[in-house]
Amino acid sequence: MMTNGVTFSAAALLAANLQVINRATLIGEETGGGRNGCIGGVYHDSPLPGSGLIFRFGLVQFTVLPKVKQIGRGVMPDIPIAYTLDDYLKNKDLEREWIDNDIKAKGILK
């Protein structure tokens, strides 16, 4: 499963849970969504006094077990991928390259 800094919310929870039960290898970068869980699902809208702006917040706590001690971080990939400026300029897809090479090395596809 490919992850990066824009993998949030349910996608980060899915990545974390699949990683915990050893059903996926995470490739890429740390997720933007937290590793230990998030709040969402059902939302409450509350108008702020004076401005009338709507403050929206989630009401349901979603948790990934077991929790990790490090708070405030996303899901860490099993295979970290780091791009260089040159990689971006050449429009490389390093995650896809890693996956293709792994599939060939394991002889999964002929």
PDB file of N, CA and C in Angstrom:
ATOM      1  N   MET A   1       0.858  -1.161   0.000  1.00  0.00           N
ATOM      2  CA  MET A   1       0.000   0.000   0.000  1.00  0.00           C
ATOM      3  C   MET A   1       0.905   1.224   0.000  1.00  0.00           C
ATOM      4  N   MET A   2       0.639   2.151  -0.901  1.00  0.00           N
ATOM      5  CA  MET A   2       1.433   3.378  -0.983  1.00  0.00           C
ATOM      6  C   MET A   2       0.816   4.448  -0.081  1.00  0.00           C
ATOM      7  N   THR A   3       1.684   5.117   0.691  1.00  0.00           N
ATOM      8  CA  THR A   3       1.233   6.177   1.584  1.00  0.00           C
ATOM      9  C   THR A   3       2.149   7.391   1.444  1.00  0.00           C
ATOM     10  N   ASN A   4       1.597   8.545   1.812  1.00  0.00           N
ATOM     11  CA  ASN A   4       2.423   9.756   1.874  1.00  0.00           C
ATOM     12  C   ASN A   4       1.738  10.762   2.796  1.00  0.00           C
ATOM     13  N   GLY A   5       2.223  11.985   2.794  1.00  0.00           N
ATOM     14  CA  GLY A   5       1.732  13.002   3.707  1.00  0.00           C
ATOM     15  C   GLY A   5       0.305  13.446   3.485  1.00  0.00           C
ATOM     16  N   VAL A   6      -0.311  13.065   2.370  1.00  0.00           N
ATOM     17  CA  VAL A   6      -1.713  13.419   2.147  1.00  0.00           C
ATOM     18  C   VAL A   6      -2.645  12.215   2.362  1.00  0.00           C
ATOM     19  N   THR A   7      -2.116  11.158   2.984  1.00  0.00           N
ATOM     20  CA  THR A   7      -2.933  10.015   3.380  1.00  0.00           C
ATOM     21  C   THR A   7      -3.490  10.339   4.763  1.00  0.00           C
ATOM     22  N   PHE A   8      -4.752  10.732   4.817  1.00  0.00           N
ATOM     23  CA  PHE A   8      -5.389  11.190   6.055  1.00  0.00           C
ATOM     24  C   PHE A   8      -6.592  10.332   6.407  1.00  0.00           C
ATOM     25  N   SER A   9      -7.098  10.547   7.575  1.00  0.00           N
ATOM     26  CA  SER A   9      -8.380  10.069   8.039  1.00  0.00           C
ATOM     27  C   SER A   9      -8.526   8.558   7.866  1.00  0.00           C
ATOM     28  N   ALA A  10      -9.596   8.131   7.212  1.00  0.00           N
ATOM     29  CA  ALA A  10      -9.868   6.704   7.069  1.00  0.00           C
ATOM     30  C   ALA A  10      -8.758   5.982   6.315  1.00  0.00           C
ATOM     31  N   ALA A  11      -8.110   6.660   5.375  1.00  0.00           N
ATOM     32  CA  ALA A  11      -7.013   6.022   4.630  1.00  0.00           C
ATOM     33  C   ALA A  11      -5.832   5.725   5.547  1.00  0.00           C
ATOM     34  N   ALA A  12      -5.519   6.640   6.462  1.00  0.00           N
ATOM     35  CA  ALA A  12      -4.435   6.410   7.423  1.00  0.00           C
ATOM     36  C   ALA A  12      -4.815   5.305   8.406  1.00  0.00           C
ATOM     37  N   LEU A  13      -6.073   5.278   8.825  1.00  0.00           N
ATOM     38  CA  LEU A  13      -6.534   4.206   9.711  1.00  0.00           C
ATOM     39  C   LEU A  13      -6.467   2.851   9.029  1.00  0.00           C
ATOM     40  N   LEU A  14      -6.847   2.801   7.756  1.00  0.00           N
ATOM     41  CA  LEU A  14      -6.761   1.560   7.001  1.00  0.00           C
ATOM     42  C   LEU A  14      -5.308   1.101   6.906  1.00  0.00           C
ATOM     43  N   ALA A  15      -4.407   2.023   6.568  1.00  0.00           N
ATOM     44  CA  ALA A  15      -2.986   1.685   6.469  1.00  0.00           C
ATOM     45  C   ALA A  15      -2.463   1.148   7.793  1.00  0.00           C
ATOM     46  N   ALA A  16      -2.788   1.819   8.889  1.00  0.00           N
ATOM     47  CA  ALA A  16      -2.312   1.396  10.211  1.00  0.00           C
ATOM     48  C   ALA A  16      -2.836   0.014  10.573  1.00  0.00           C
ATOM     49  N   ASN A  17      -4.119  -0.216  10.342  1.00  0.00           N
ATOM     50  CA  ASN A  17      -4.704  -1.516  10.684  1.00  0.00           C
ATOM     51  C   ASN A  17      -4.140  -2.636   9.820  1.00  0.00           C
ATOM     52  N   LEU A  18      -3.969  -2.400   8.532  1.00  0.00           N
ATOM     53  CA  LEU A  18      -3.388  -3.426   7.665  1.00  0.00           C
ATOM     54  C   LEU A  18      -1.947  -3.723   8.065  1.00  0.00           C
ATOM     55  N   GLN A  19      -1.222  -2.693   8.494  1.00  0.00           N
ATOM     56  CA  GLN A  19       0.153  -2.886   8.940  1.00  0.00           C
ATOM     57  C   GLN A  19       0.186  -3.718  10.227  1.00  0.00           C
ATOM     58  N   VAL A  20      -0.704  -3.412  11.168  1.00  0.00           N
ATOM     59  CA  VAL A  20      -0.741  -4.122  12.450  1.00  0.00           C
ATOM     60  C   VAL A  20      -1.020  -5.614  12.254  1.00  0.00           C
ATOM     61  N   ILE A  21      -1.911  -5.958  11.337  1.00  0.00           N
ATOM     62  CA  ILE A  21      -2.268  -7.369  11.133  1.00  0.00           C
ATOM     63  C   ILE A  21      -1.445  -8.021  10.018  1.00  0.00           C
ATOM     64  N   ASN A  22      -0.385  -7.351   9.590  1.00  0.00           N
ATOM     65  CA  ASN A  22       0.534  -7.886   8.577  1.00  0.00           C
ATOM     66  C   ASN A  22      -0.164  -8.285   7.275  1.00  0.00           C
ATOM     67  N   ARG A  23      -1.102  -7.451   6.835  1.00  0.00           N
ATOM     68  CA  ARG A  23      -1.818  -7.731   5.588  1.00  0.00           C
ATOM     69  C   ARG A  23      -1.391  -6.801   4.464  1.00  0.00           C
ATOM     70  N   ALA A  24      -0.450  -5.879   4.741  1.00  0.00           N
ATOM     71  CA  ALA A  24       0.037  -4.974   3.703  1.00  0.00           C
ATOM     72  C   ALA A  24       1.445  -4.520   4.059  1.00  0.00           C
ATOM     73  N   THR A  25       2.229  -4.255   3.040  1.00  0.00           N
ATOM     74  CA  THR A  25       3.518  -3.602   3.198  1.00  0.00           C
ATOM     75  C   THR A  25       3.305  -2.153   2.807  1.00  0.00           C
ATOM     76  N   LEU A  26       3.610  -1.244   3.721  1.00  0.00           N
ATOM     77  CA  LEU A  26       3.428   0.176   3.440  1.00  0.00           C
ATOM     78  C   LEU A  26       4.688   0.732   2.802  1.00  0.00           C
ATOM     79  N   ILE A  27       4.499   1.391   1.666  1.00  0.00           N
ATOM     80  CA  ILE A  27       5.604   1.914   0.869  1.00  0.00           C
ATOM     81  C   ILE A  27       5.384   3.403   0.678  1.00  0.00           C
ATOM     82  N   GLY A  28       6.413   4.198   0.948  1.00  0.00           N
ATOM     83  CA  GLY A  28       6.298   5.626   0.679  1.00  0.00           C
ATOM     84  C   GLY A  28       6.756   6.476   1.834  1.00  0.00           C
ATOM     85  N   GLU A  29       5.868   7.361   2.285  1.00  0.00           N
ATOM     86  CA  GLU A  29       6.189   8.333   3.326  1.00  0.00           C
ATOM     87  C   GLU A  29       5.200   8.210   4.479  1.00  0.00           C
ATOM     88  N   GLU A  30       5.551   8.807   5.596  1.00  0.00           N
ATOM     89  CA  GLU A  30       4.668   8.863   6.758  1.00  0.00           C
ATOM     90  C   GLU A  30       3.328   9.478   6.347  1.00  0.00           C
ATOM     91  N   THR A  31       2.238   8.914   6.883  1.00  0.00           N
ATOM     92  CA  THR A  31       0.923   9.462   6.560  1.00  0.00           C
ATOM     93  C   THR A  31       0.708  10.800   7.260  1.00  0.00           C
ATOM     94  N   GLY A  32      -0.201  11.593   6.721  1.00  0.00           N
ATOM     95  CA  GLY A  32      -0.581  12.842   7.364  1.00  0.00           C
ATOM     96  C   GLY A  32      -1.537  12.596   8.514  1.00  0.00           C
ATOM     97  N   GLY A  33      -2.319  11.537   8.411  1.00  0.00           N
ATOM     98  CA  GLY A  33      -3.238  11.170   9.488  1.00  0.00           C
ATOM     99  C   GLY A  33      -2.504  10.434  10.585  1.00  0.00           C
ATOM    100  N   GLY A  34      -2.960  10.611  11.819  1.00  0.00           N
ATOM    101  CA  GLY A  34      -2.291  10.046  12.983  1.00  0.00           C
ATOM    102  C   GLY A  34      -2.317   8.534  13.046  1.00  0.00           C
ATOM    103  N   ARG A  35      -1.282   7.943  13.635  1.00  0.00           N
ATOM    104  CA  ARG A  35      -1.141   6.494  13.749  1.00  0.00           C
ATOM    105  C   ARG A  35      -2.094   5.899  14.779  1.00  0.00           C
ATOM    106  N   ASN A  36      -2.336   6.606  15.876  1.00  0.00           N
ATOM    107  CA  ASN A  36      -3.136   6.038  16.958  1.00  0.00           C
ATOM    108  C   ASN A  36      -4.639   6.208  16.780  1.00  0.00           C
ATOM    109  N   GLY A  37      -5.056   6.971  15.780  1.00  0.00           N
ATOM    110  CA  GLY A  37      -6.479   7.129  15.548  1.00  0.00           C
ATOM    111  C   GLY A  37      -6.849   8.556  15.197  1.00  0.00           C
ATOM    112  N   CYS A  38      -8.140   8.786  15.087  1.00  0.00           N
ATOM    113  CA  CYS A  38      -8.633  10.121  14.758  1.00  0.00           C
ATOM    114  C   CYS A  38     -10.064  10.269  15.267  1.00  0.00           C
ATOM    115  N   ILE A  39     -10.572  11.460  15.127  1.00  0.00           N
ATOM    116  CA  ILE A  39     -11.956  11.729  15.528  1.00  0.00           C
ATOM    117  C   ILE A  39     -12.720  12.161  14.285  1.00  0.00           C
ATOM    118  N   GLY A  40     -13.877  11.593  14.067  1.00  0.00           N
ATOM    119  CA  GLY A  40     -14.663  11.923  12.881  1.00  0.00           C
ATOM    120  C   GLY A  40     -15.973  11.176  12.900  1.00  0.00           C
ATOM    121  N   GLY A  41     -16.334  10.630  11.735  1.00  0.00           N
ATOM    122  CA  GLY A  41     -17.539   9.825  11.635  1.00  0.00           C
ATOM    123  C   GLY A  41     -18.816  10.629  11.635  1.00  0.00           C
ATOM    124  N   VAL A  42     -19.178  11.156  12.782  1.00  0.00           N
ATOM    125  CA  VAL A  42     -20.359  11.998  12.947  1.00  0.00           C
ATOM    126  C   VAL A  42     -19.850  13.367  13.391  1.00  0.00           C
ATOM    127  N   TYR A  43     -20.371  14.406  12.789  1.00  0.00           N
ATOM    128  CA  TYR A  43     -19.876  15.752  13.070  1.00  0.00           C
ATOM    129  C   TYR A  43     -20.964  16.629  13.691  1.00  0.00           C
ATOM    130  N   HIS A  44     -20.503  17.585  14.480  1.00  0.00           N
ATOM    131  CA  HIS A  44     -21.401  18.576  15.074  1.00  0.00           C
ATOM    132  C   HIS A  44     -20.965  19.953  14.578  1.00  0.00           C
ATOM    133  N   ASP A  45     -21.923  20.738  14.118  1.00  0.00           N
ATOM    134  CA  ASP A  45     -21.656  22.111  13.698  1.00  0.00           C
ATOM    135  C   ASP A  45     -22.139  23.063  14.778  1.00  0.00           C
ATOM    136  N   SER A  46     -21.235  23.938  15.197  1.00  0.00           N
ATOM    137  CA  SER A  46     -21.574  24.884  16.250  1.00  0.00           C
ATOM    138  C   SER A  46     -21.209  26.303  15.805  1.00  0.00           C
ATOM    139  N   PRO A  47     -22.201  27.210  15.710  1.00  0.00           N
ATOM    140  CA  PRO A  47     -21.874  28.588  15.325  1.00  0.00           C
ATOM    141  C   PRO A  47     -21.131  29.300  16.460  1.00  0.00           C
ATOM    142  N   LEU A  48     -20.080  30.009  16.091  1.00  0.00           N
ATOM    143  CA  LEU A  48     -19.318  30.770  17.077  1.00  0.00           C
ATOM    144  C   LEU A  48     -20.023  32.086  17.367  1.00  0.00           C
ATOM    145  N   PRO A  49     -20.106  32.457  18.647  1.00  0.00           N
ATOM    146  CA  PRO A  49     -20.784  33.704  18.990  1.00  0.00           C
ATOM    147  C   PRO A  49     -20.040  34.901  18.405  1.00  0.00           C
ATOM    148  N   GLY A  50     -20.772  35.873  17.995  1.00  0.00           N
ATOM    149  CA  GLY A  50     -20.172  37.095  17.446  1.00  0.00           C
ATOM    150  C   GLY A  50     -19.960  37.007  15.948  1.00  0.00           C
ATOM    151  N   SER A  51     -19.152  36.059  15.496  1.00  0.00           N
ATOM    152  CA  SER A  51     -18.818  35.979  14.069  1.00  0.00           C
ATOM    153  C   SER A  51     -19.841  35.170  13.285  1.00  0.00           C
ATOM    154  N   GLY A  52     -20.474  34.208  13.950  1.00  0.00           N
ATOM    155  CA  GLY A  52     -21.402  33.335  13.244  1.00  0.00           C
ATOM    156  C   GLY A  52     -20.704  32.253  12.440  1.00  0.00           C
ATOM    157  N   LEU A  53     -19.369  32.242  12.445  1.00  0.00           N
ATOM    158  CA  LEU A  53     -18.637  31.187  11.749  1.00  0.00           C
ATOM    159  C   LEU A  53     -18.994  29.833  12.346  1.00  0.00           C
ATOM    160  N   ILE A  54     -19.021  28.835  11.499  1.00  0.00           N
ATOM    161  CA  ILE A  54     -19.370  27.492  11.957  1.00  0.00           C
ATOM    162  C   ILE A  54     -18.101  26.743  12.355  1.00  0.00           C
ATOM    163  N   PHE A  55     -18.077  26.245  13.582  1.00  0.00           N
ATOM    164  CA  PHE A  55     -17.001  25.408  14.084  1.00  0.00           C
ATOM    165  C   PHE A  55     -17.498  23.977  14.005  1.00  0.00           C
ATOM    166  N   ARG A  56     -16.811  23.141  13.224  1.00  0.00           N
ATOM    167  CA  ARG A  56     -17.247  21.766  13.005  1.00  0.00           C
ATOM    168  C   ARG A  56     -16.250  20.815  13.646  1.00  0.00           C
ATOM    169  N   PHE A  57     -16.754  19.853  14.403  1.00  0.00           N
ATOM    170  CA  PHE A  57     -15.852  18.887  15.030  1.00  0.00           C
ATOM    171  C   PHE A  57     -16.482  17.504  15.059  1.00  0.00           C
ATOM    172  N   GLY A  58     -15.596  16.494  15.006  1.00  0.00           N
ATOM    173  CA  GLY A  58     -16.031  15.104  15.016  1.00  0.00           C
ATOM    174  C   GLY A  58     -16.430  14.649  16.409  1.00  0.00           C
ATOM    175  N   LEU A  59     -17.305  13.664  16.461  1.00  0.00           N
ATOM    176  CA  LEU A  59     -17.828  13.164  17.731  1.00  0.00           C
ATOM    177  C   LEU A  59     -17.431  11.724  18.032  1.00  0.00           C
ATOM    178  N   VAL A  60     -16.897  10.988  17.053  1.00  0.00           N
ATOM    179  CA  VAL A  60     -16.591   9.570  17.247  1.00  0.00           C
ATOM    180  C   VAL A  60     -15.079   9.367  17.241  1.00  0.00           C
ATOM    181  N   GLN A  61     -14.573   8.676  18.263  1.00  0.00           N
ATOM    182  CA  GLN A  61     -13.143   8.367  18.363  1.00  0.00           C
ATOM    183  C   GLN A  61     -12.872   7.036  17.668  1.00  0.00           C
ATOM    184  N   PHE A  62     -11.953   7.041  16.702  1.00  0.00           N
ATOM    185  CA  PHE A  62     -11.502   5.831  16.030  1.00  0.00           C
ATOM    186  C   PHE A  62     -10.089   5.538  16.505  1.00  0.00           C
ATOM    187  N   THR A  63      -9.819   4.303  16.896  1.00  0.00           N
ATOM    188  CA  THR A  63      -8.522   3.947  17.467  1.00  0.00           C
ATOM    189  C   THR A  63      -7.921   2.763  16.737  1.00  0.00           C
ATOM    190  N   VAL A  64      -6.593   2.773  16.630  1.00  0.00           N
ATOM    191  CA  VAL A  64      -5.843   1.644  16.082  1.00  0.00           C
ATOM    192  C   VAL A  64      -5.115   0.996  17.251  1.00  0.00           C
ATOM    193  N   LEU A  65      -5.298  -0.305  17.420  1.00  0.00           N
ATOM    194  CA  LEU A  65      -4.629  -1.029  18.503  1.00  0.00           C
ATOM    195  C   LEU A  65      -3.604  -1.984  17.924  1.00  0.00           C
ATOM    196  N   PRO A  66      -2.488  -2.206  18.531  1.00  0.00           N
ATOM    197  CA  PRO A  66      -2.040  -1.533  19.740  1.00  0.00           C
ATOM    198  C   PRO A  66      -1.559  -0.123  19.426  1.00  0.00           C
ATOM    199  N   LYS A  67      -1.717   0.762  20.397  1.00  0.00           N
ATOM    200  CA  LYS A  67      -1.261   2.146  20.226  1.00  0.00           C
ATOM    201  C   LYS A  67       0.264   2.183  20.292  1.00  0.00           C
ATOM    202  N   VAL A  68       0.839   3.208  19.685  1.00  0.00           N
ATOM    203  CA  VAL A  68       2.283   3.416  19.779  1.00  0.00           C
ATOM    204  C   VAL A  68       2.533   4.544  20.774  1.00  0.00           C
ATOM    205  N   LYS A  69       3.719   4.540  21.371  1.00  0.00           N
ATOM    206  CA  LYS A  69       4.042   5.547  22.392  1.00  0.00           C
ATOM    207  C   LYS A  69       4.239   6.929  21.804  1.00  0.00           C
ATOM    208  N   GLN A  70       4.755   6.998  20.583  1.00  0.00           N
ATOM    209  CA  GLN A  70       5.043   8.294  19.981  1.00  0.00           C
ATOM    210  C   GLN A  70       3.752   8.947  19.509  1.00  0.00           C
ATOM    211  N   ILE A  71       3.421  10.084  20.111  1.00  0.00           N
ATOM    212  CA  ILE A  71       2.171  10.782  19.808  1.00  0.00           C
ATOM    213  C   ILE A  71       2.449  11.896  18.803  1.00  0.00           C
ATOM    214  N   GLY A  72       1.482  12.155  17.948  1.00  0.00           N
ATOM    215  CA  GLY A  72       1.608  13.256  17.005  1.00  0.00           C
ATOM    216  C   GLY A  72       2.314  12.891  15.718  1.00  0.00           C
ATOM    217  N   ARG A  73       2.434  11.615  15.442  1.00  0.00           N
ATOM    218  CA  ARG A  73       3.053  11.166  14.198  1.00  0.00           C
ATOM    219  C   ARG A  73       2.051  10.320  13.426  1.00  0.00           C
ATOM    220  N   GLY A  74       2.318  10.193  12.134  1.00  0.00           N
ATOM    221  CA  GLY A  74       1.469   9.369  11.294  1.00  0.00           C
ATOM    222  C   GLY A  74       1.917   7.927  11.293  1.00  0.00           C
ATOM    223  N   VAL A  75       1.394   7.186  10.338  1.00  0.00           N
ATOM    224  CA  VAL A  75       1.772   5.788  10.167  1.00  0.00           C
ATOM    225  C   VAL A  75       3.093   5.757   9.401  1.00  0.00           C
ATOM    226  N   MET A  76       4.081   5.074   9.958  1.00  0.00           N
ATOM    227  CA  MET A  76       5.392   4.993   9.322  1.00  0.00           C
ATOM    228  C   MET A  76       5.412   3.845   8.325  1.00  0.00           C
ATOM    229  N   PRO A  77       5.956   4.091   7.134  1.00  0.00           N
ATOM    230  CA  PRO A  77       5.989   3.028   6.126  1.00  0.00           C
ATOM    231  C   PRO A  77       7.000   1.945   6.485  1.00  0.00           C
ATOM    232  N   ASP A  78       6.746   0.742   5.992  1.00  0.00           N
ATOM    233  CA  ASP A  78       7.705  -0.359   6.136  1.00  0.00           C
ATOM    234  C   ASP A  78       8.896  -0.136   5.207  1.00  0.00           C
ATOM    235  N   ILE A  79       8.613   0.412   4.038  1.00  0.00           N
ATOM    236  CA  ILE A  79       9.634   0.724   3.042  1.00  0.00           C
ATOM    237  C   ILE A  79       9.601   2.234   2.817  1.00  0.00           C
ATOM    238  N   PRO A  80      10.459   2.995   3.519  1.00  0.00           N
ATOM    239  CA  PRO A  80      10.443   4.450   3.324  1.00  0.00           C
ATOM    240  C   PRO A  80      11.039   4.843   1.982  1.00  0.00           C
ATOM    241  N   ILE A  81      10.384   5.767   1.320  1.00  0.00           N
ATOM    242  CA  ILE A  81      10.842   6.285   0.030  1.00  0.00           C
ATOM    243  C   ILE A  81      11.068   7.781   0.197  1.00  0.00           C
ATOM    244  N   ALA A  82      12.245   8.231  -0.216  1.00  0.00           N
ATOM    245  CA  ALA A  82      12.567   9.659  -0.130  1.00  0.00           C
ATOM    246  C   ALA A  82      12.917  10.165  -1.523  1.00  0.00           C
ATOM    247  N   TYR A  83      12.222  11.204  -1.946  1.00  0.00           N
ATOM    248  CA  TYR A  83      12.442  11.803  -3.253  1.00  0.00           C
ATOM    249  C   TYR A  83      13.500  12.898  -3.177  1.00  0.00           C
ATOM    250  N   THR A  84      14.241  13.040  -4.255  1.00  0.00           N
ATOM    251  CA  THR A  84      15.156  14.174  -4.403  1.00  0.00           C
ATOM    252  C   THR A  84      14.517  15.157  -5.377  1.00  0.00           C
ATOM    253  N   LEU A  85      15.066  16.339  -5.447  1.00  0.00           N
ATOM    254  CA  LEU A  85      14.578  17.322  -6.407  1.00  0.00           C
ATOM    255  C   LEU A  85      14.685  16.773  -7.822  1.00  0.00           C
ATOM    256  N   ASP A  86      15.773  16.085  -8.111  1.00  0.00           N
ATOM    257  CA  ASP A  86      15.973  15.495  -9.439  1.00  0.00           C
ATOM    258  C   ASP A  86      14.882  14.475  -9.765  1.00  0.00           C
ATOM    259  N   ASP A  87      14.475  13.687  -8.769  1.00  0.00           N
ATOM    260  CA  ASP A  87      13.390  12.713  -8.978  1.00  0.00           C
ATOM    261  C   ASP A  87      12.107  13.422  -9.401  1.00  0.00           C
ATOM    262  N   TYR A  88      11.785  14.528  -8.722  1.00  0.00           N
ATOM    263  CA  TYR A  88      10.586  15.290  -9.073  1.00  0.00           C
ATOM    264  C   TYR A  88      10.694  15.880 -10.470  1.00  0.00           C
ATOM    265  N   LEU A  89      11.859  16.429 -10.775  1.00  0.00           N
ATOM    266  CA  LEU A  89      12.047  17.042 -12.094  1.00  0.00           C
ATOM    267  C   LEU A  89      11.946  16.017 -13.220  1.00  0.00           C
ATOM    268  N   LYS A  90      12.347  14.794 -12.943  1.00  0.00           N
ATOM    269  CA  LYS A  90      12.263  13.718 -13.940  1.00  0.00           C
ATOM    270  C   LYS A  90      10.928  12.985 -13.880  1.00  0.00           C
ATOM    271  N   ASN A  91      10.022  13.478 -13.024  1.00  0.00           N
ATOM    272  CA  ASN A  91       8.678  12.903 -12.892  1.00  0.00           C
ATOM    273  C   ASN A  91       8.723  11.414 -12.552  1.00  0.00           C
ATOM    274  N   LYS A  92       9.638  11.035 -11.661  1.00  0.00           N
ATOM    275  CA  LYS A  92       9.779   9.632 -11.270  1.00  0.00           C
ATOM    276  C   LYS A  92       8.697   9.231 -10.282  1.00  0.00           C
ATOM    277  N   ASP A  93       8.349   7.967 -10.300  1.00  0.00           N
ATOM    278  CA  ASP A  93       7.412   7.376  -9.349  1.00  0.00           C
ATOM    279  C   ASP A  93       8.179   6.274  -8.623  1.00  0.00           C
ATOM    280  N   LEU A  94       8.890   6.651  -7.556  1.00  0.00           N
ATOM    281  CA  LEU A  94       9.780   5.724  -6.869  1.00  0.00           C
ATOM    282  C   LEU A  94       9.033   4.588  -6.174  1.00  0.00           C
ATOM    283  N   GLU A  95       7.828   4.856  -5.685  1.00  0.00           N
ATOM    284  CA  GLU A  95       7.039   3.795  -5.073  1.00  0.00           C
ATOM    285  C   GLU A  95       6.683   2.742  -6.108  1.00  0.00           C
ATOM    286  N   ARG A  96       6.236   3.180  -7.253  1.00  0.00           N
ATOM    287  CA  ARG A  96       5.863   2.239  -8.329  1.00  0.00           C
ATOM    288  C   ARG A  96       7.078   1.460  -8.803  1.00  0.00           C
ATOM    289  N   GLU A  97       8.218   2.124  -8.907  1.00  0.00           N
ATOM    290  CA  GLU A  97       9.445   1.428  -9.311  1.00  0.00           C
ATOM    291  C   GLU A  97       9.797   0.343  -8.294  1.00  0.00           C
ATOM    292  N   TRP A  98       9.680   0.663  -7.000  1.00  0.00           N
ATOM    293  CA  TRP A  98       9.986  -0.330  -5.962  1.00  0.00           C
ATOM    294  C   TRP A  98       9.044  -1.524  -6.069  1.00  0.00           C
ATOM    295  N   ILE A  99       7.750  -1.254  -6.254  1.00  0.00           N
ATOM    296  CA  ILE A  99       6.758  -2.323  -6.365  1.00  0.00           C
ATOM    297  C   ILE A  99       7.045  -3.193  -7.584  1.00  0.00           C
ATOM    298  N   ASP A 100       7.304  -2.569  -8.731  1.00  0.00           N
ATOM    299  CA  ASP A 100       7.610  -3.335  -9.946  1.00  0.00           C
ATOM    300  C   ASP A 100       8.825  -4.225  -9.744  1.00  0.00           C
ATOM    301  N   ASN A 101       9.884  -3.685  -9.136  1.00  0.00           N
ATOM    302  CA  ASN A 101      11.101  -4.467  -8.896  1.00  0.00           C
ATOM    303  C   ASN A 101      10.855  -5.607  -7.913  1.00  0.00           C
ATOM    304  N   ASP A 102      10.036  -5.367  -6.887  1.00  0.00           N
ATOM    305  CA  ASP A 102       9.725  -6.410  -5.912  1.00  0.00           C
ATOM    306  C   ASP A 102       8.924  -7.537  -6.557  1.00  0.00           C
ATOM    307  N   ILE A 103       7.963  -7.182  -7.386  1.00  0.00           N
ATOM    308  CA  ILE A 103       7.155  -8.200  -8.085  1.00  0.00           C
ATOM    309  C   ILE A 103       8.050  -9.041  -8.987  1.00  0.00           C
ATOM    310  N   LYS A 104       8.947  -8.403  -9.727  1.00  0.00           N
ATOM    311  CA  LYS A 104       9.863  -9.149 -10.607  1.00  0.00           C
ATOM    312  C   LYS A 104      10.793 -10.031  -9.800  1.00  0.00           C
ATOM    313  N   ALA A 105      11.335  -9.528  -8.690  1.00  0.00           N
ATOM    314  CA  ALA A 105      12.267 -10.292  -7.868  1.00  0.00           C
ATOM    315  C   ALA A 105      11.605 -11.528  -7.257  1.00  0.00           C
ATOM    316  N   LYS A 106      10.336 -11.419  -6.922  1.00  0.00           N
ATOM    317  CA  LYS A 106       9.615 -12.546  -6.317  1.00  0.00           C
ATOM    318  C   LYS A 106       9.008 -13.472  -7.350  1.00  0.00           C
ATOM    319  N   GLY A 107       9.086 -13.078  -8.622  1.00  0.00           N
ATOM    320  CA  GLY A 107       8.531 -13.921  -9.682  1.00  0.00           C
ATOM    321  C   GLY A 107       7.022 -14.049  -9.621  1.00  0.00           C
ATOM    322  N   ILE A 108       6.363 -13.033  -9.099  1.00  0.00           N
ATOM    323  CA  ILE A 108       4.898 -13.084  -8.958  1.00  0.00           C
ATOM    324  C   ILE A 108       4.228 -13.040 -10.331  1.00  0.00           C
ATOM    325  N   LEU A 109       4.702 -12.170 -11.205  1.00  0.00           N
ATOM    326  CA  LEU A 109       4.171 -12.084 -12.560  1.00  0.00           C
ATOM    327  C   LEU A 109       5.260 -12.479 -13.541  1.00  0.00           C
ATOM    328  N   LYS A 110       4.888 -13.167 -14.541  1.00  0.00           N
ATOM    329  CA  LYS A 110       5.873 -13.596 -15.544  1.00  0.00           C
ATOM    330  C   LYS A 110       5.750 -12.760 -16.775  1.00  0.00           C
TER     331      LYS A 110
END
